[in-house]
Amino acid sequence: MTATIALVDDDQNILVSLSAALVDEGYKVDTYGDGAEALEGLVRKRVDLAILDIKMPRMDGLELLTELRHKDKLPVIFLTSKDDEVDEIMGLRLGADDYIKKPFSQRLLLERIRAVLRRHEAKSDDENGDSIMRRGDLVLDPARHLCSWKGDEINLTVTEFLIVEALARRPGHVKNRDQLIDAAYGEHIYVDDRTIDSHIKRLRRKFKAVDDEFAGIDTLYGVGYRYTVV
């Protein structure tokens, strides 16, 4: 089926050029000029992925993502206009699956879109996926994209789920950042390894929101991360 992408940006040139490129690639595209307009539209329509600019009038991309996260697990890619890590980190903390800096290569963005959609489809549509994984208090159901800790559901993005799954598959074994990038983003996709650090911080916060004593993800400084069954 043809994927539908919501493109949200207050720059009309980007809306026109990028939507044309996406249509050429076979995607359906819904365009919105700001976050408030997009939120109203996305409540009524189903899309498969959203591309959000951060700096927009009325409602910025960070506010919009916060509202969308109450709605569903819609995959999100952020467009960041500043050469500043703050926007990127905030976006990842709120649950964005990826980000790309302006000015950007349309070819690179298209590759990122394909990668995020592949990950999402693999977790959402594969009825014959892996069996339920139980690791101590952690339960992962890859076929349904469900994660729970001590019986409480943890709402994870596709990227976060794949990182947890990679760590939990072999408890006690260390995964370096490159291995986690491959697991979460796929091969041949460049992602700064600091992105993994941001995802891990957000994962810890999500688990600690239901269990103050959560300590299942260990950091081995200079090496990587591991999941520990207590």
N, C-alpha and C. Protein backbone atom coordinates (compact mmCIF):
# COMPACT_ATOMS: atom_id res chain seq x y z
N MET A 1 0.84 -1.20 0.00
CA MET A 1 0.00 0.00 0.00
C MET A 1 0.87 1.25 0.00
N THR A 2 0.37 2.33 -0.62
CA THR A 2 1.11 3.58 -0.68
C THR A 2 1.08 4.26 0.68
N ALA A 3 2.24 4.64 1.16
CA ALA A 3 2.32 5.32 2.45
C ALA A 3 1.92 6.78 2.29
N THR A 4 1.23 7.30 3.30
CA THR A 4 0.85 8.71 3.33
C THR A 4 1.72 9.44 4.34
N ILE A 5 2.31 10.53 3.90
CA ILE A 5 3.22 11.30 4.74
C ILE A 5 2.65 12.69 4.99
N ALA A 6 2.67 13.10 6.26
CA ALA A 6 2.27 14.47 6.62
C ALA A 6 3.53 15.33 6.66
N LEU A 7 3.54 16.39 5.88
CA LEU A 7 4.68 17.30 5.83
C LEU A 7 4.25 18.63 6.44
N VAL A 8 4.92 19.02 7.54
CA VAL A 8 4.50 20.20 8.30
C VAL A 8 5.67 21.18 8.37
N ASP A 9 5.52 22.33 7.70
CA ASP A 9 6.59 23.33 7.67
C ASP A 9 5.99 24.67 7.27
N ASP A 10 6.48 25.75 7.87
CA ASP A 10 5.96 27.07 7.51
C ASP A 10 6.70 27.69 6.32
N ASP A 11 7.69 26.97 5.80
CA ASP A 11 8.43 27.43 4.62
C ASP A 11 7.74 26.87 3.37
N GLN A 12 7.09 27.74 2.62
CA GLN A 12 6.32 27.30 1.46
C GLN A 12 7.21 26.65 0.41
N ASN A 13 8.44 27.11 0.28
CA ASN A 13 9.35 26.51 -0.70
C ASN A 13 9.63 25.04 -0.37
N ILE A 14 9.82 24.77 0.93
CA ILE A 14 10.06 23.38 1.34
C ILE A 14 8.81 22.53 1.10
N LEU A 15 7.64 23.07 1.45
CA LEU A 15 6.41 22.31 1.24
C LEU A 15 6.24 21.93 -0.23
N VAL A 16 6.50 22.87 -1.13
CA VAL A 16 6.30 22.61 -2.55
C VAL A 16 7.35 21.64 -3.10
N SER A 17 8.63 21.92 -2.83
CA SER A 17 9.69 21.10 -3.41
C SER A 17 9.73 19.70 -2.82
N LEU A 18 9.58 19.62 -1.49
CA LEU A 18 9.67 18.30 -0.85
C LEU A 18 8.44 17.46 -1.13
N SER A 19 7.28 18.06 -1.14
CA SER A 19 6.07 17.28 -1.45
C SER A 19 6.14 16.74 -2.88
N ALA A 20 6.69 17.53 -3.80
CA ALA A 20 6.84 17.06 -5.18
C ALA A 20 7.80 15.88 -5.25
N ALA A 21 8.90 15.96 -4.50
CA ALA A 21 9.86 14.86 -4.48
C ALA A 21 9.25 13.60 -3.88
N LEU A 22 8.44 13.76 -2.83
CA LEU A 22 7.80 12.61 -2.19
C LEU A 22 6.77 11.97 -3.13
N VAL A 23 6.01 12.80 -3.82
CA VAL A 23 5.03 12.27 -4.78
C VAL A 23 5.75 11.52 -5.89
N ASP A 24 6.88 12.05 -6.36
CA ASP A 24 7.66 11.36 -7.39
C ASP A 24 8.13 9.99 -6.93
N GLU A 25 8.33 9.85 -5.61
CA GLU A 25 8.76 8.56 -5.06
C GLU A 25 7.60 7.62 -4.79
N GLY A 26 6.38 8.09 -5.06
CA GLY A 26 5.21 7.22 -4.92
C GLY A 26 4.44 7.40 -3.64
N TYR A 27 4.79 8.39 -2.82
CA TYR A 27 4.08 8.62 -1.57
C TYR A 27 2.88 9.55 -1.78
N LYS A 28 1.87 9.41 -0.96
CA LYS A 28 0.82 10.39 -0.86
C LYS A 28 1.26 11.42 0.18
N VAL A 29 0.97 12.68 -0.03
CA VAL A 29 1.47 13.74 0.86
C VAL A 29 0.34 14.68 1.27
N ASP A 30 0.25 14.94 2.57
CA ASP A 30 -0.62 15.98 3.10
C ASP A 30 0.28 17.08 3.66
N THR A 31 0.08 18.32 3.22
CA THR A 31 0.94 19.41 3.66
C THR A 31 0.19 20.36 4.59
N TYR A 32 0.93 20.89 5.57
CA TYR A 32 0.38 21.81 6.56
C TYR A 32 1.39 22.93 6.80
N GLY A 33 0.89 24.15 6.99
CA GLY A 33 1.76 25.30 7.13
C GLY A 33 2.19 25.61 8.54
N ASP A 34 1.58 24.97 9.54
CA ASP A 34 2.02 25.15 10.93
C ASP A 34 1.47 24.01 11.78
N GLY A 35 1.91 23.97 13.03
CA GLY A 35 1.56 22.85 13.89
C GLY A 35 0.09 22.77 14.24
N ALA A 36 -0.54 23.93 14.47
CA ALA A 36 -1.95 23.93 14.83
C ALA A 36 -2.81 23.38 13.69
N GLU A 37 -2.51 23.81 12.48
CA GLU A 37 -3.23 23.30 11.31
C GLU A 37 -3.02 21.80 11.15
N ALA A 38 -1.78 21.35 11.38
CA ALA A 38 -1.47 19.92 11.24
C ALA A 38 -2.20 19.10 12.29
N LEU A 39 -2.24 19.59 13.53
CA LEU A 39 -2.91 18.83 14.58
C LEU A 39 -4.38 18.64 14.26
N GLU A 40 -5.02 19.70 13.79
CA GLU A 40 -6.43 19.60 13.42
C GLU A 40 -6.63 18.60 12.29
N GLY A 41 -5.72 18.61 11.31
CA GLY A 41 -5.85 17.68 10.19
C GLY A 41 -5.54 16.25 10.57
N LEU A 42 -4.54 16.05 11.41
CA LEU A 42 -4.12 14.69 11.75
C LEU A 42 -5.09 14.00 12.69
N VAL A 43 -5.92 14.76 13.39
CA VAL A 43 -6.96 14.15 14.21
C VAL A 43 -7.97 13.43 13.34
N ARG A 44 -8.19 13.96 12.15
CA ARG A 44 -9.21 13.40 11.25
C ARG A 44 -8.66 12.40 10.25
N LYS A 45 -7.37 12.48 9.95
CA LYS A 45 -6.82 11.65 8.88
C LYS A 45 -5.75 10.71 9.40
N ARG A 46 -5.63 9.58 8.75
CA ARG A 46 -4.59 8.62 9.11
C ARG A 46 -3.40 8.81 8.19
N VAL A 47 -2.21 8.95 8.77
CA VAL A 47 -0.98 9.02 7.98
C VAL A 47 -0.01 7.98 8.52
N ASP A 48 1.01 7.67 7.73
CA ASP A 48 1.97 6.64 8.12
C ASP A 48 3.25 7.21 8.71
N LEU A 49 3.52 8.49 8.46
CA LEU A 49 4.73 9.13 8.97
C LEU A 49 4.54 10.63 8.90
N ALA A 50 5.10 11.35 9.87
CA ALA A 50 5.04 12.82 9.85
C ALA A 50 6.45 13.40 9.83
N ILE A 51 6.64 14.40 8.99
CA ILE A 51 7.90 15.16 8.94
C ILE A 51 7.58 16.55 9.48
N LEU A 52 8.20 16.91 10.59
CA LEU A 52 7.84 18.14 11.29
C LEU A 52 9.02 19.10 11.36
N ASP A 53 8.78 20.34 10.94
CA ASP A 53 9.73 21.40 11.24
C ASP A 53 9.59 21.76 12.71
N ILE A 54 10.68 22.17 13.35
CA ILE A 54 10.59 22.52 14.77
C ILE A 54 10.09 23.96 14.94
N LYS A 55 10.69 24.90 14.22
CA LYS A 55 10.34 26.31 14.39
C LYS A 55 9.17 26.67 13.48
N MET A 56 7.97 26.82 14.07
CA MET A 56 6.78 27.18 13.31
C MET A 56 5.90 28.09 14.15
N PRO A 57 5.07 28.93 13.51
CA PRO A 57 4.15 29.78 14.27
C PRO A 57 2.99 28.99 14.85
N ARG A 58 2.31 29.61 15.78
CA ARG A 58 1.11 29.08 16.46
C ARG A 58 1.40 27.85 17.31
N MET A 59 1.94 26.81 16.70
CA MET A 59 2.33 25.60 17.45
C MET A 59 3.58 25.05 16.80
N ASP A 60 4.69 24.97 17.56
CA ASP A 60 5.92 24.48 16.96
C ASP A 60 5.94 22.96 16.90
N GLY A 61 6.98 22.41 16.29
CA GLY A 61 7.05 20.97 16.10
C GLY A 61 7.13 20.18 17.39
N LEU A 62 7.79 20.74 18.40
CA LEU A 62 7.89 20.05 19.68
C LEU A 62 6.53 19.94 20.36
N GLU A 63 5.76 21.03 20.33
CA GLU A 63 4.41 21.00 20.90
C GLU A 63 3.53 20.03 20.13
N LEU A 64 3.65 20.05 18.81
CA LEU A 64 2.84 19.16 17.99
C LEU A 64 3.16 17.70 18.29
N LEU A 65 4.45 17.39 18.41
CA LEU A 65 4.83 16.00 18.71
C LEU A 65 4.27 15.57 20.05
N THR A 66 4.28 16.46 21.05
CA THR A 66 3.72 16.13 22.35
C THR A 66 2.25 15.75 22.22
N GLU A 67 1.51 16.51 21.42
CA GLU A 67 0.09 16.20 21.21
C GLU A 67 -0.09 14.90 20.44
N LEU A 68 0.74 14.67 19.44
CA LEU A 68 0.62 13.45 18.65
C LEU A 68 0.94 12.21 19.46
N ARG A 69 1.86 12.33 20.41
CA ARG A 69 2.24 11.18 21.21
C ARG A 69 1.09 10.73 22.12
N HIS A 70 0.14 11.63 22.41
CA HIS A 70 -1.04 11.23 23.17
C HIS A 70 -2.00 10.43 22.30
N LYS A 71 -1.83 10.58 21.00
CA LYS A 71 -2.77 9.98 20.05
C LYS A 71 -2.36 8.57 19.63
N ASP A 72 -1.13 8.39 19.20
CA ASP A 72 -0.69 7.09 18.72
C ASP A 72 0.84 7.05 18.63
N LYS A 73 1.34 6.00 18.02
CA LYS A 73 2.79 5.81 17.88
C LYS A 73 3.26 6.22 16.49
N LEU A 74 2.68 7.25 15.95
CA LEU A 74 3.03 7.73 14.61
C LEU A 74 4.53 8.01 14.51
N PRO A 75 5.23 7.40 13.53
CA PRO A 75 6.65 7.70 13.34
C PRO A 75 6.85 9.16 12.94
N VAL A 76 7.88 9.79 13.50
CA VAL A 76 8.11 11.22 13.28
C VAL A 76 9.58 11.47 12.95
N ILE A 77 9.82 12.29 11.92
CA ILE A 77 11.16 12.78 11.60
C ILE A 77 11.13 14.30 11.76
N PHE A 78 12.09 14.85 12.50
CA PHE A 78 12.17 16.29 12.69
C PHE A 78 13.09 16.93 11.67
N LEU A 79 12.72 18.12 11.23
CA LEU A 79 13.60 18.99 10.47
C LEU A 79 14.08 20.08 11.42
N THR A 80 15.38 20.19 11.61
CA THR A 80 15.92 21.20 12.52
C THR A 80 16.67 22.25 11.71
N SER A 81 16.44 23.51 12.05
CA SER A 81 17.00 24.60 11.25
C SER A 81 18.28 25.16 11.83
N LYS A 82 18.60 24.84 13.08
CA LYS A 82 19.78 25.40 13.72
C LYS A 82 20.85 24.33 13.91
N ASP A 83 22.10 24.79 13.86
CA ASP A 83 23.21 23.88 14.12
C ASP A 83 23.44 23.80 15.63
N ASP A 84 22.39 23.38 16.30
CA ASP A 84 22.37 23.38 17.76
C ASP A 84 21.76 22.05 18.20
N GLU A 85 22.37 21.42 19.17
CA GLU A 85 21.89 20.11 19.61
C GLU A 85 20.61 20.18 20.43
N VAL A 86 20.27 21.36 20.95
CA VAL A 86 19.15 21.46 21.89
C VAL A 86 17.85 20.99 21.25
N ASP A 87 17.54 21.49 20.04
CA ASP A 87 16.30 21.08 19.38
C ASP A 87 16.29 19.58 19.10
N GLU A 88 17.42 19.05 18.65
CA GLU A 88 17.49 17.63 18.33
C GLU A 88 17.28 16.78 19.57
N ILE A 89 17.93 17.16 20.67
CA ILE A 89 17.80 16.40 21.91
C ILE A 89 16.37 16.47 22.43
N MET A 90 15.76 17.66 22.38
CA MET A 90 14.38 17.80 22.84
C MET A 90 13.44 16.93 22.00
N GLY A 91 13.68 16.92 20.69
CA GLY A 91 12.85 16.10 19.82
C GLY A 91 12.96 14.62 20.15
N LEU A 92 14.18 14.15 20.37
CA LEU A 92 14.38 12.75 20.71
C LEU A 92 13.78 12.43 22.07
N ARG A 93 13.89 13.36 23.00
CA ARG A 93 13.30 13.14 24.31
C ARG A 93 11.78 13.01 24.24
N LEU A 94 11.18 13.75 23.33
CA LEU A 94 9.73 13.69 23.17
C LEU A 94 9.28 12.47 22.37
N GLY A 95 10.23 11.78 21.74
CA GLY A 95 9.87 10.55 21.05
C GLY A 95 10.00 10.56 19.55
N ALA A 96 10.72 11.53 18.99
CA ALA A 96 10.95 11.51 17.54
C ALA A 96 11.80 10.29 17.17
N ASP A 97 11.57 9.75 15.99
CA ASP A 97 12.32 8.58 15.54
C ASP A 97 13.63 8.96 14.86
N ASP A 98 13.69 10.16 14.31
CA ASP A 98 14.90 10.58 13.61
C ASP A 98 14.84 12.09 13.42
N TYR A 99 15.94 12.69 13.00
CA TYR A 99 15.96 14.11 12.68
C TYR A 99 16.96 14.34 11.57
N ILE A 100 16.79 15.45 10.86
CA ILE A 100 17.73 15.81 9.81
C ILE A 100 17.83 17.34 9.80
N LYS A 101 19.05 17.84 9.59
CA LYS A 101 19.29 19.28 9.68
C LYS A 101 19.06 19.97 8.34
N LYS A 102 18.49 21.19 8.44
CA LYS A 102 18.40 22.07 7.27
C LYS A 102 19.71 22.84 7.11
N PRO A 103 20.14 23.13 5.88
CA PRO A 103 19.59 22.61 4.62
C PRO A 103 19.94 21.13 4.47
N PHE A 104 19.06 20.36 3.88
CA PHE A 104 19.28 18.92 3.81
C PHE A 104 19.22 18.43 2.37
N SER A 105 19.83 17.29 2.17
CA SER A 105 19.75 16.61 0.88
C SER A 105 18.43 15.86 0.80
N GLN A 106 17.64 16.10 -0.25
CA GLN A 106 16.39 15.36 -0.39
C GLN A 106 16.64 13.86 -0.50
N ARG A 107 17.74 13.49 -1.12
CA ARG A 107 18.06 12.07 -1.24
C ARG A 107 18.29 11.44 0.13
N LEU A 108 19.00 12.17 1.00
CA LEU A 108 19.24 11.66 2.35
C LEU A 108 17.93 11.55 3.12
N LEU A 109 17.09 12.56 3.02
CA LEU A 109 15.81 12.52 3.72
C LEU A 109 14.95 11.36 3.23
N LEU A 110 14.94 11.12 1.92
CA LEU A 110 14.17 10.01 1.39
C LEU A 110 14.66 8.67 1.93
N GLU A 111 15.98 8.53 2.09
CA GLU A 111 16.53 7.31 2.67
C GLU A 111 16.11 7.15 4.13
N ARG A 112 16.11 8.27 4.87
CA ARG A 112 15.68 8.22 6.27
C ARG A 112 14.19 7.85 6.36
N ILE A 113 13.38 8.39 5.46
CA ILE A 113 11.95 8.07 5.44
C ILE A 113 11.75 6.58 5.20
N ARG A 114 12.46 6.05 4.20
CA ARG A 114 12.32 4.63 3.90
C ARG A 114 12.73 3.76 5.09
N ALA A 115 13.81 4.17 5.76
CA ALA A 115 14.30 3.39 6.91
C ALA A 115 13.30 3.40 8.05
N VAL A 116 12.74 4.57 8.37
CA VAL A 116 11.77 4.65 9.46
C VAL A 116 10.50 3.87 9.12
N LEU A 117 10.02 3.98 7.89
CA LEU A 117 8.83 3.23 7.49
C LEU A 117 9.06 1.73 7.53
N ARG A 118 10.26 1.30 7.11
CA ARG A 118 10.57 -0.14 7.17
C ARG A 118 10.52 -0.64 8.61
N ARG A 119 11.12 0.12 9.51
CA ARG A 119 11.12 -0.29 10.92
C ARG A 119 9.71 -0.33 11.48
N HIS A 120 8.93 0.67 11.14
CA HIS A 120 7.56 0.73 11.66
C HIS A 120 6.71 -0.41 11.10
N GLU A 121 6.83 -0.66 9.80
CA GLU A 121 6.04 -1.72 9.19
C GLU A 121 6.43 -3.09 9.72
N ALA A 122 7.73 -3.28 9.97
CA ALA A 122 8.19 -4.57 10.49
C ALA A 122 7.58 -4.87 11.85
N LYS A 123 7.37 -3.80 12.65
CA LYS A 123 6.83 -4.00 13.99
C LYS A 123 5.31 -4.00 14.01
N SER A 124 4.69 -3.32 13.07
CA SER A 124 3.23 -3.17 13.09
C SER A 124 2.50 -4.22 12.26
N ASP A 125 3.11 -4.66 11.17
CA ASP A 125 2.38 -5.47 10.20
C ASP A 125 2.78 -6.94 10.14
N ASP A 126 3.87 -7.30 10.78
CA ASP A 126 4.35 -8.67 10.68
C ASP A 126 3.60 -9.56 11.67
N GLU A 127 2.56 -10.21 11.21
CA GLU A 127 1.77 -11.08 12.09
C GLU A 127 2.53 -12.33 12.50
N ASN A 128 3.59 -12.65 11.76
CA ASN A 128 4.37 -13.84 12.09
C ASN A 128 5.72 -13.46 12.69
N GLY A 129 5.71 -12.40 13.44
CA GLY A 129 6.95 -11.91 14.04
C GLY A 129 7.45 -12.83 15.15
N ASP A 130 8.53 -12.37 15.81
CA ASP A 130 9.11 -13.15 16.88
C ASP A 130 8.10 -13.37 18.00
N SER A 131 8.29 -14.45 18.75
CA SER A 131 7.41 -14.72 19.88
C SER A 131 7.69 -13.71 20.99
N ILE A 132 6.79 -13.66 21.96
CA ILE A 132 6.94 -12.73 23.06
C ILE A 132 8.24 -13.00 23.81
N MET A 133 8.97 -11.92 24.09
CA MET A 133 10.24 -12.02 24.79
C MET A 133 10.06 -11.61 26.24
N ARG A 134 10.47 -12.45 27.17
CA ARG A 134 10.40 -12.15 28.60
C ARG A 134 11.80 -12.17 29.18
N ARG A 135 12.18 -11.08 29.76
CA ARG A 135 13.50 -10.94 30.39
C ARG A 135 13.31 -10.32 31.77
N GLY A 136 13.13 -11.18 32.78
CA GLY A 136 12.86 -10.67 34.11
C GLY A 136 11.52 -9.94 34.12
N ASP A 137 11.51 -8.68 34.55
CA ASP A 137 10.28 -7.89 34.62
C ASP A 137 9.91 -7.26 33.28
N LEU A 138 10.76 -7.44 32.28
CA LEU A 138 10.52 -6.86 30.96
C LEU A 138 9.82 -7.87 30.05
N VAL A 139 8.77 -7.40 29.38
CA VAL A 139 8.06 -8.23 28.39
C VAL A 139 7.96 -7.43 27.10
N LEU A 140 8.41 -8.03 26.00
CA LEU A 140 8.35 -7.41 24.68
C LEU A 140 7.54 -8.29 23.74
N ASP A 141 6.61 -7.68 23.05
CA ASP A 141 5.82 -8.38 22.03
C ASP A 141 6.09 -7.68 20.70
N PRO A 142 7.09 -8.15 19.94
CA PRO A 142 7.46 -7.46 18.69
C PRO A 142 6.34 -7.40 17.67
N ALA A 143 5.53 -8.44 17.56
CA ALA A 143 4.47 -8.46 16.55
C ALA A 143 3.45 -7.37 16.79
N ARG A 144 3.22 -7.02 18.06
CA ARG A 144 2.22 -5.99 18.40
C ARG A 144 2.86 -4.69 18.86
N HIS A 145 4.18 -4.65 18.86
CA HIS A 145 4.91 -3.45 19.29
C HIS A 145 4.48 -3.04 20.70
N LEU A 146 4.48 -4.03 21.62
CA LEU A 146 4.10 -3.76 23.00
C LEU A 146 5.27 -4.02 23.92
N CYS A 147 5.45 -3.13 24.88
CA CYS A 147 6.51 -3.28 25.88
C CYS A 147 5.90 -3.03 27.24
N SER A 148 6.22 -3.89 28.21
CA SER A 148 5.74 -3.66 29.56
C SER A 148 6.85 -3.96 30.56
N TRP A 149 6.76 -3.29 31.71
CA TRP A 149 7.72 -3.48 32.80
C TRP A 149 6.92 -3.67 34.09
N LYS A 150 7.09 -4.83 34.70
CA LYS A 150 6.34 -5.19 35.91
C LYS A 150 4.84 -5.02 35.70
N GLY A 151 4.40 -5.34 34.49
CA GLY A 151 2.97 -5.30 34.18
C GLY A 151 2.47 -3.97 33.68
N ASP A 152 3.28 -2.91 33.75
CA ASP A 152 2.87 -1.59 33.28
C ASP A 152 3.36 -1.38 31.85
N GLU A 153 2.47 -0.95 30.98
CA GLU A 153 2.86 -0.73 29.59
C GLU A 153 3.74 0.50 29.47
N ILE A 154 4.80 0.39 28.65
CA ILE A 154 5.71 1.49 28.36
C ILE A 154 5.49 1.88 26.90
N ASN A 155 5.11 3.13 26.67
CA ASN A 155 4.83 3.60 25.31
C ASN A 155 6.14 3.99 24.63
N LEU A 156 6.60 3.16 23.70
CA LEU A 156 7.88 3.38 23.02
C LEU A 156 7.68 3.72 21.55
N THR A 157 8.57 4.55 21.02
CA THR A 157 8.61 4.76 19.59
C THR A 157 9.20 3.51 18.93
N VAL A 158 9.10 3.44 17.61
CA VAL A 158 9.68 2.30 16.89
C VAL A 158 11.18 2.19 17.18
N THR A 159 11.88 3.31 17.11
CA THR A 159 13.33 3.31 17.34
C THR A 159 13.66 2.85 18.76
N GLU A 160 12.94 3.38 19.74
CA GLU A 160 13.18 2.99 21.13
C GLU A 160 12.92 1.50 21.34
N PHE A 161 11.83 1.01 20.74
CA PHE A 161 11.51 -0.41 20.89
C PHE A 161 12.64 -1.29 20.35
N LEU A 162 13.17 -0.92 19.19
CA LEU A 162 14.23 -1.73 18.58
C LEU A 162 15.51 -1.70 19.40
N ILE A 163 15.79 -0.58 20.06
CA ILE A 163 16.96 -0.51 20.93
C ILE A 163 16.78 -1.42 22.14
N VAL A 164 15.61 -1.35 22.77
CA VAL A 164 15.34 -2.22 23.92
C VAL A 164 15.40 -3.68 23.50
N GLU A 165 14.81 -4.00 22.37
CA GLU A 165 14.81 -5.38 21.88
C GLU A 165 16.23 -5.88 21.64
N ALA A 166 17.08 -5.03 21.05
CA ALA A 166 18.46 -5.43 20.79
C ALA A 166 19.22 -5.69 22.09
N LEU A 167 19.00 -4.85 23.09
CA LEU A 167 19.68 -5.02 24.37
C LEU A 167 19.16 -6.25 25.12
N ALA A 168 17.83 -6.45 25.08
CA ALA A 168 17.22 -7.52 25.87
C ALA A 168 17.42 -8.90 25.24
N ARG A 169 17.71 -8.93 23.96
CA ARG A 169 17.84 -10.23 23.31
C ARG A 169 18.95 -11.08 23.95
N ARG A 170 20.01 -10.42 24.40
CA ARG A 170 21.10 -11.15 25.06
C ARG A 170 21.48 -10.41 26.34
N PRO A 171 20.75 -10.66 27.43
CA PRO A 171 21.03 -9.96 28.69
C PRO A 171 22.47 -10.16 29.13
N GLY A 172 23.08 -9.10 29.64
CA GLY A 172 24.45 -9.17 30.13
C GLY A 172 25.50 -8.93 29.07
N HIS A 173 25.11 -9.02 27.78
CA HIS A 173 26.05 -8.78 26.69
C HIS A 173 26.04 -7.30 26.32
N VAL A 174 27.21 -6.76 26.13
CA VAL A 174 27.33 -5.33 25.84
C VAL A 174 27.10 -5.07 24.35
N LYS A 175 26.29 -4.06 24.06
CA LYS A 175 26.09 -3.60 22.69
C LYS A 175 26.73 -2.22 22.56
N ASN A 176 27.64 -2.07 21.61
CA ASN A 176 28.21 -0.74 21.42
C ASN A 176 27.25 0.13 20.62
N ARG A 177 27.57 1.39 20.49
CA ARG A 177 26.66 2.32 19.83
C ARG A 177 26.43 1.96 18.37
N ASP A 178 27.47 1.51 17.68
CA ASP A 178 27.31 1.13 16.27
C ASP A 178 26.34 -0.03 16.12
N GLN A 179 26.41 -1.00 17.03
CA GLN A 179 25.50 -2.14 16.97
C GLN A 179 24.06 -1.71 17.22
N LEU A 180 23.88 -0.77 18.14
CA LEU A 180 22.53 -0.29 18.42
C LEU A 180 22.00 0.56 17.27
N ILE A 181 22.88 1.31 16.63
CA ILE A 181 22.46 2.07 15.45
C ILE A 181 22.00 1.12 14.35
N ASP A 182 22.76 0.05 14.11
CA ASP A 182 22.38 -0.93 13.08
C ASP A 182 21.04 -1.57 13.42
N ALA A 183 20.83 -1.88 14.71
CA ALA A 183 19.59 -2.53 15.13
C ALA A 183 18.39 -1.60 14.98
N ALA A 184 18.59 -0.32 15.29
CA ALA A 184 17.47 0.61 15.33
C ALA A 184 17.23 1.33 14.00
N TYR A 185 18.30 1.55 13.24
CA TYR A 185 18.18 2.34 12.02
C TYR A 185 18.45 1.53 10.75
N GLY A 186 19.12 0.40 10.88
CA GLY A 186 19.47 -0.38 9.71
C GLY A 186 20.84 -0.01 9.19
N GLU A 187 21.40 -0.87 8.38
CA GLU A 187 22.71 -0.63 7.82
C GLU A 187 22.65 0.48 6.76
N HIS A 188 23.79 1.11 6.56
CA HIS A 188 23.98 2.14 5.53
C HIS A 188 23.23 3.44 5.84
N ILE A 189 22.71 3.59 7.07
CA ILE A 189 22.10 4.84 7.48
C ILE A 189 23.01 5.49 8.51
N TYR A 190 23.52 6.69 8.20
CA TYR A 190 24.42 7.36 9.13
C TYR A 190 23.63 8.08 10.22
N VAL A 191 23.97 7.77 11.46
CA VAL A 191 23.39 8.44 12.62
C VAL A 191 24.51 8.72 13.60
N ASP A 192 24.58 9.93 14.10
CA ASP A 192 25.59 10.28 15.10
C ASP A 192 25.38 9.41 16.34
N ASP A 193 26.47 8.87 16.89
CA ASP A 193 26.31 7.96 18.03
C ASP A 193 25.75 8.66 19.27
N ARG A 194 25.80 10.00 19.31
CA ARG A 194 25.18 10.71 20.42
C ARG A 194 23.66 10.56 20.39
N THR A 195 23.12 10.26 19.21
CA THR A 195 21.68 10.02 19.11
C THR A 195 21.28 8.81 19.96
N ILE A 196 22.10 7.77 19.96
CA ILE A 196 21.83 6.59 20.78
C ILE A 196 21.85 6.97 22.26
N ASP A 197 22.80 7.80 22.67
CA ASP A 197 22.85 8.23 24.07
C ASP A 197 21.56 8.94 24.46
N SER A 198 21.05 9.78 23.57
CA SER A 198 19.80 10.50 23.86
C SER A 198 18.62 9.53 23.97
N HIS A 199 18.59 8.52 23.09
CA HIS A 199 17.52 7.52 23.18
C HIS A 199 17.60 6.75 24.49
N ILE A 200 18.80 6.38 24.92
CA ILE A 200 18.95 5.63 26.16
C ILE A 200 18.47 6.46 27.35
N LYS A 201 18.81 7.75 27.38
CA LYS A 201 18.36 8.62 28.47
C LYS A 201 16.83 8.68 28.51
N ARG A 202 16.24 8.80 27.32
CA ARG A 202 14.77 8.87 27.29
C ARG A 202 14.16 7.54 27.71
N LEU A 203 14.74 6.42 27.30
CA LEU A 203 14.24 5.11 27.71
C LEU A 203 14.27 4.96 29.22
N ARG A 204 15.36 5.37 29.83
CA ARG A 204 15.44 5.27 31.29
C ARG A 204 14.35 6.09 31.96
N ARG A 205 14.10 7.29 31.43
CA ARG A 205 13.04 8.12 32.02
C ARG A 205 11.67 7.46 31.88
N LYS A 206 11.43 6.83 30.74
CA LYS A 206 10.13 6.18 30.54
C LYS A 206 9.94 5.01 31.51
N PHE A 207 11.00 4.21 31.69
CA PHE A 207 10.88 3.09 32.61
C PHE A 207 10.79 3.56 34.06
N LYS A 208 11.54 4.59 34.40
CA LYS A 208 11.50 5.10 35.78
C LYS A 208 10.18 5.79 36.09
N ALA A 209 9.45 6.18 35.06
CA ALA A 209 8.13 6.77 35.29
C ALA A 209 7.17 5.76 35.90
N VAL A 210 7.41 4.47 35.65
CA VAL A 210 6.56 3.42 36.23
C VAL A 210 7.27 2.66 37.34
N ASP A 211 8.59 2.84 37.44
CA ASP A 211 9.37 2.16 38.47
C ASP A 211 10.59 3.01 38.83
N ASP A 212 10.50 3.71 39.96
CA ASP A 212 11.58 4.61 40.37
C ASP A 212 12.91 3.90 40.52
N GLU A 213 12.88 2.60 40.76
CA GLU A 213 14.10 1.85 41.01
C GLU A 213 14.63 1.14 39.77
N PHE A 214 14.07 1.45 38.62
CA PHE A 214 14.52 0.79 37.39
C PHE A 214 16.03 1.00 37.18
N ALA A 215 16.72 -0.11 36.94
CA ALA A 215 18.17 -0.06 36.69
C ALA A 215 18.56 -1.14 35.69
N GLY A 216 17.67 -1.38 34.73
CA GLY A 216 17.88 -2.49 33.82
C GLY A 216 18.85 -2.22 32.68
N ILE A 217 19.15 -0.95 32.42
CA ILE A 217 20.07 -0.61 31.33
C ILE A 217 21.34 -0.02 31.93
N ASP A 218 22.43 -0.74 31.79
CA ASP A 218 23.73 -0.31 32.33
C ASP A 218 24.53 0.42 31.26
N THR A 219 25.28 1.42 31.70
CA THR A 219 26.23 2.10 30.82
C THR A 219 27.63 1.62 31.14
N LEU A 220 28.36 1.17 30.14
CA LEU A 220 29.77 0.84 30.30
C LEU A 220 30.53 1.91 29.52
N TYR A 221 31.04 2.90 30.25
CA TYR A 221 31.61 4.08 29.64
C TYR A 221 32.75 3.73 28.68
N GLY A 222 32.65 4.27 27.48
CA GLY A 222 33.65 4.01 26.46
C GLY A 222 33.42 2.70 25.72
N VAL A 223 32.39 1.93 26.14
CA VAL A 223 32.14 0.64 25.51
C VAL A 223 30.74 0.60 24.90
N GLY A 224 29.72 0.78 25.72
CA GLY A 224 28.35 0.72 25.21
C GLY A 224 27.35 0.52 26.33
N TYR A 225 26.29 -0.25 26.03
CA TYR A 225 25.20 -0.46 26.97
C TYR A 225 24.86 -1.94 27.03
N ARG A 226 24.23 -2.34 28.14
CA ARG A 226 23.74 -3.71 28.26
C ARG A 226 22.47 -3.74 29.10
N TYR A 227 21.66 -4.75 28.85
CA TYR A 227 20.46 -4.98 29.65
C TYR A 227 20.78 -6.03 30.69
N THR A 228 20.43 -5.74 31.93
CA THR A 228 20.71 -6.65 33.04
C THR A 228 19.42 -7.12 33.67
N VAL A 229 19.25 -8.42 33.79
CA VAL A 229 18.10 -9.00 34.48
C VAL A 229 18.44 -9.06 35.96
N VAL A 230 17.68 -8.33 36.77
CA VAL A 230 17.94 -8.31 38.21
C VAL A 230 17.30 -9.51 38.86
